[in-house]
C-alpha atoms as a PDB file:
ATOM      1  CA  MET A   1     -16.730 -15.568 -61.892  1.00  0.00           C
ATOM      2  CA  LYS A   2     -14.511 -18.007 -63.742  1.00  0.00           C
ATOM      3  CA  LEU A   3     -15.923 -21.341 -64.932  1.00  0.00           C
ATOM      4  CA  ALA A   4     -14.117 -24.620 -64.414  1.00  0.00           C
ATOM      5  CA  PRO A   5     -12.491 -25.955 -67.629  1.00  0.00           C
ATOM      6  CA  PHE A   6     -15.117 -28.680 -68.023  1.00  0.00           C
ATOM      7  CA  ALA A   7     -18.092 -26.381 -67.390  1.00  0.00           C
ATOM      8  CA  ARG A   8     -18.295 -24.741 -70.822  1.00  0.00           C
ATOM      9  CA  PRO A   9     -18.445 -28.013 -72.796  1.00  0.00           C
ATOM     10  CA  ALA A  10     -20.978 -29.370 -70.308  1.00  0.00           C
ATOM     11  CA  ILE A  11     -23.176 -26.271 -70.693  1.00  0.00           C
ATOM     12  CA  ALA A  12     -22.893 -26.456 -74.481  1.00  0.00           C
ATOM     13  CA  ALA A  13     -23.838 -30.152 -74.475  1.00  0.00           C
ATOM     14  CA  ALA A  14     -26.848 -29.478 -72.245  1.00  0.00           C
ATOM     15  CA  ALA A  15     -28.006 -26.693 -74.565  1.00  0.00           C
ATOM     16  CA  LEU A  16     -27.697 -28.956 -77.622  1.00  0.00           C
ATOM     17  CA  LEU A  17     -29.697 -31.691 -75.915  1.00  0.00           C
ATOM     18  CA  ALA A  18     -32.426 -29.206 -75.006  1.00  0.00           C
ATOM     19  CA  LEU A  19     -32.609 -27.947 -78.598  1.00  0.00           C
ATOM     20  CA  ALA A  20     -32.763 -31.498 -79.939  1.00  0.00           C
ATOM     21  CA  ALA A  21     -35.614 -32.320 -77.574  1.00  0.00           C
ATOM     22  CA  CYS A  22     -37.534 -29.250 -78.732  1.00  0.00           C
ATOM     23  CA  GLY A  23     -37.096 -30.234 -82.359  1.00  0.00           C
ATOM     24  CA  GLU A  24     -38.353 -33.755 -81.712  1.00  0.00           C
ATOM     25  CA  SER A  25     -41.332 -32.456 -79.782  1.00  0.00           C
ATOM     26  CA  SER A  26     -42.112 -29.959 -82.520  1.00  0.00           C
ATOM     27  CA  GLY A  27     -41.998 -32.716 -85.142  1.00  0.00           C
ATOM     28  CA  LYS A  28     -44.482 -34.811 -83.173  1.00  0.00           C
ATOM     29  CA  GLN A  29     -46.787 -31.824 -82.777  1.00  0.00           C
ATOM     30  CA  ASP A  30     -46.529 -31.011 -86.482  1.00  0.00           C
ATOM     31  CA  ARG A  31     -47.463 -34.598 -87.309  1.00  0.00           C
ATOM     32  CA  ALA A  32     -50.414 -34.551 -84.884  1.00  0.00           C
ATOM     33  CA  ALA A  33     -51.670 -31.272 -86.391  1.00  0.00           C
ATOM     34  CA  TYR A  34     -51.287 -32.697 -89.923  1.00  0.00           C
ATOM     35  CA  ASP A  35     -53.206 -35.835 -88.942  1.00  0.00           C
ATOM     36  CA  ALA A  36     -56.060 -33.764 -87.474  1.00  0.00           C
ATOM     37  CA  CYS A  37     -56.252 -31.583 -90.585  1.00  0.00           C
ATOM     38  CA  LEU A  38     -56.062 -34.569 -92.934  1.00  0.00           C
ATOM     39  CA  LYS A  39     -58.883 -36.294 -91.059  1.00  0.00           C
ATOM     40  CA  ALA A  40     -61.033 -33.147 -91.322  1.00  0.00           C
ATOM     41  CA  ALA A  41     -60.253 -32.795 -95.036  1.00  0.00           C
ATOM     42  CA  GLN A  42     -61.165 -36.428 -95.720  1.00  0.00           C
ATOM     43  CA  ALA A  43     -64.496 -35.893 -93.942  1.00  0.00           C
ATOM     44  CA  ASP A  44     -65.289 -32.809 -96.049  1.00  0.00           C
ATOM     45  CA  ALA A  45     -68.091 -33.463 -98.533  1.00  0.00           C
ATOM     46  CA  LYS A  46     -66.430 -31.420-101.311  1.00  0.00           C
ATOM     47  CA  ILE A  47     -62.827 -32.660-101.153  1.00  0.00           C
ATOM     48  CA  GLY A  48     -62.987 -35.831 -99.092  1.00  0.00           C
ATOM     49  CA  LYS A  49     -62.249 -38.130-102.037  1.00  0.00           C
ATOM     50  CA  ALA A  50     -59.151 -36.215-103.152  1.00  0.00           C
ATOM     51  CA  GLN A  51     -55.622 -37.595-103.159  1.00  0.00           C
ATOM     52  CA  PHE A  52     -53.867 -35.722-100.350  1.00  0.00           C
ATOM     53  CA  ALA A  53     -50.130 -35.126-100.069  1.00  0.00           C
ATOM     54  CA  LYS A  54     -48.098 -37.013 -97.494  1.00  0.00           C
ATOM     55  CA  PHE A  55     -46.950 -35.343 -94.281  1.00  0.00           C
ATOM     56  CA  GLU A  56     -43.493 -34.751 -95.780  1.00  0.00           C
ATOM     57  CA  ASP A  57     -44.994 -32.747 -98.657  1.00  0.00           C
ATOM     58  CA  ALA A  58     -47.297 -30.591 -96.539  1.00  0.00           C
ATOM     59  CA  LYS A  59     -46.252 -27.139 -95.385  1.00  0.00           C
ATOM     60  CA  ILE A  60     -46.537 -26.726 -91.640  1.00  0.00           C
ATOM     61  CA  GLY A  61     -45.833 -23.625 -89.601  1.00  0.00           C
ATOM     62  CA  ALA A  62     -46.790 -21.490 -86.656  1.00  0.00           C
ATOM     63  CA  SER A  63     -50.114 -19.738 -86.774  1.00  0.00           C
ATOM     64  CA  THR A  64     -51.831 -16.895 -84.966  1.00  0.00           C
ATOM     65  CA  GLY A  65     -51.576 -18.268 -81.444  1.00  0.00           C
ATOM     66  CA  GLU A  66     -49.071 -20.064 -79.267  1.00  0.00           C
ATOM     67  CA  GLU A  67     -50.903 -23.372 -79.413  1.00  0.00           C
ATOM     68  CA  GLU A  68     -52.021 -23.220 -83.049  1.00  0.00           C
ATOM     69  CA  ILE A  69     -50.339 -24.741 -86.070  1.00  0.00           C
ATOM     70  CA  ARG A  70     -51.150 -23.832 -89.673  1.00  0.00           C
ATOM     71  CA  VAL A  71     -51.174 -26.809 -92.039  1.00  0.00           C
ATOM     72  CA  ASN A  72     -51.306 -26.591 -95.836  1.00  0.00           C
ATOM     73  CA  ILE A  73     -51.933 -29.931 -97.537  1.00  0.00           C
ATOM     74  CA  PRO A  74     -51.733 -30.085-101.340  1.00  0.00           C
ATOM     75  CA  TYR A  75     -54.301 -32.344-102.968  1.00  0.00           C
ATOM     76  CA  GLU A  76     -55.562 -33.414-106.379  1.00  0.00           C
ATOM     77  CA  LEU A  77     -59.230 -33.954-107.183  1.00  0.00           C
ATOM     78  CA  GLU A  78     -60.594 -34.798-110.617  1.00  0.00           C
ATOM     79  CA  GLY A  79     -57.324 -33.787-112.272  1.00  0.00           C
ATOM     80  CA  LYS A  80     -57.171 -30.390-110.559  1.00  0.00           C
ATOM     81  CA  LYS A  81     -54.546 -29.477-107.978  1.00  0.00           C
ATOM     82  CA  ALA A  82     -55.440 -27.377-104.968  1.00  0.00           C
ATOM     83  CA  LEU A  83     -54.428 -26.657-101.396  1.00  0.00           C
ATOM     84  CA  HIS A  84     -56.336 -27.520 -98.220  1.00  0.00           C
ATOM     85  CA  GLN A  85     -55.600 -24.935 -95.543  1.00  0.00           C
ATOM     86  CA  CYS A  86     -56.221 -25.676 -91.906  1.00  0.00           C
ATOM     87  CA  ILE A  87     -55.426 -24.405 -88.433  1.00  0.00           C
ATOM     88  CA  ALA A  88     -55.190 -26.993 -85.680  1.00  0.00           C
ATOM     89  CA  LYS A  89     -55.244 -25.940 -82.030  1.00  0.00           C
ATOM     90  CA  LYS A  90     -53.546 -27.976 -79.331  1.00  0.00           C
ATOM     91  CA  GLN A  91     -55.943 -29.195 -76.669  1.00  0.00           C
ATOM     92  CA  THR A  92     -55.195 -29.624 -72.967  1.00  0.00           C
ATOM     93  CA  ASP A  93     -54.837 -33.393 -73.449  1.00  0.00           C
ATOM     94  CA  GLY A  94     -52.128 -32.888 -76.106  1.00  0.00           C
ATOM     95  CA  THR A  95     -54.301 -33.712 -79.126  1.00  0.00           C
ATOM     96  CA  PHE A  96     -55.142 -31.233 -81.887  1.00  0.00           C
ATOM     97  CA  LYS A  97     -58.561 -29.973 -82.959  1.00  0.00           C
ATOM     98  CA  VAL A  98     -59.239 -28.221 -86.255  1.00  0.00           C
ATOM     99  CA  VAL A  99     -60.426 -24.659 -85.661  1.00  0.00           C
ATOM    100  CA  PHE A 100     -60.281 -23.418 -89.272  1.00  0.00           C
END
């Protein structure tokens, strides 16, 4: 089957738009997972008063499940640097809940 001359560019443009939408969605989910982990870290009795890194300086990646995101937030407390590690799981309402 031969495609019309305009079909290939149209298919390529549609694919690029789909990829861009996924990237934007992923960025929003990463931010929501970071926010959930930061909130949990700030509520922690041991490290809650630390200075935590901004979203841009955190390391965020996929975790063990499809709906889980691993978040590593650097922080400094009493002159010592450390890393807060967290796994946030996406809930049915689209929010994230810390599970580790």
